[in-house]
C-alpha cells in the first residue's frame, strides 16, 4: 500500500472488524492499552471502538509527552525563565501545559519572561548564535523520538563553542513506563482495569526498534504489537493481539514493518548514547517516580546541562485535585469521567495537560466528539 486512502479503506476496515468479531471469545474480556497519543487520536477520529465487539476495550495509556511531564518540571522551567539573563526555547504545545497553582509558560511569558516558541533544535542553535550575551536554554521534552535531535544539538553546540546554550532535559523512555505499569499493582489495577496486551508506539519504535519490548512481553506474559497510525494499522494490530491472547502467546509482533525494524535506527541510538545517560528515576504525571525512565546529559557534556549550570533543584508539587488527568494517563478513567471535561476544561480553557496537548486523550475525545457519543449511549 502506497497512499493514505489505501490505509483508510472502508471495505478493508469492515473486513478486519468482522475478523476481530469472529475470533474474540464471548467468554472473556480483552483489554488492550495503546501506548501512544497518535493511536488514541486515530481510534477517536475514525470511530474504531464502534467497530469492535463489546468485550474488546481500548485503554488509553501515558503516550503523550506533554501530558506525562509533571507540574514540578513546568514550575522549574518557569523559575528558570524568570531569570533576567535566560531565554527559554520551548515547543508550542508545551506553552499552555499546566504547572502548579494555575501557572504556565504562556502566563510567565505574558508577565515578561523571555520565552520563545521554536519548531526544532536548530532554532535554538540559531538563537544562541545570534544572541551571544544571552543564556539560551532549550526545554528538551519527549520520548525516544525527539531525543536524537537534542543529542545532535548538544554536539553542534560543542563544535561551534556555543557557551551560552544549554539543555533542560526532560526526555523519557517508553519501555520503562510500560514496565512500571505492569509491575506496580497500584498503577496496573487502579480502577480495576488489568491489561491483556499493548499496542506499541509507532514513532518511538522507528528509533528503538521492537527488541526493547521483548523482555516486557516475556516477563509479564503480555503480547505487544507495534502498529502504525492509520485506522487499518490499528485494526490489524488489535486482531493480532486477539489472536495472541486466544492462544496464550505473549510475543512482540511488528505490524508497522514498513517503518519499524527489530533493531531500530542504529545511527540515532548511537547519537543518544554518546550524549545522554540514564537517571536513576524520573517523575511522570500519573505514574509517579519511575526507575530508569529519564535521561540526563553525561558528565562530559555537563557544561550544556541547564540543571547543573543554574543549580536547578528538583521540586515536588501537587496536581490540581479536581482534574483526573493522572487517572486518565494510567488508563483508570476516561476523559468523560472527569467532572471538569467539557465544562470548565476545554481546548480554549484547558485545566489539565490531557486537554492541552494535541496528543492528549481529552483533546482526542473533544476534537472528534467521542464524549457526545458516550453521553448519548448512557442516556439511551
Foldseek 3Di string as FASTA:
>chain_A
DPDQCVLVPPVLLLVLLVLQVVQFDPVAAAEEEEQALLQLLQCLQVVSVVSHPPRYYYFYAQRDFLQFAALQLQVLVLVVQPPPQEAEEEADLQQCAHHPPRDGNVVSVVVPGRYHHDDALVVQVVVLVVCVRGQYEYEAIDELLRLLRVLVSLVVCVVVVSLRAAYAFWYWYDLLVVCLCLPDCCLQQQLHDHHQAYAYEASNQLAAFQQSCFVVLVVRVHAYEHFDNRSSRVSVSSSVRSVCVVVSHRGYHYSPVVRGHRRHDVVSVVSNVVFKDFDQWDQTQLRGTGGRTTIAGDPVSVSRHPCNVVVRDGDDDDADPQACSSCSNSSSDAQLVRPPQPPQDACVRHRHSLRSDPSHSSVSCRVSVVSVVVVVVVVD
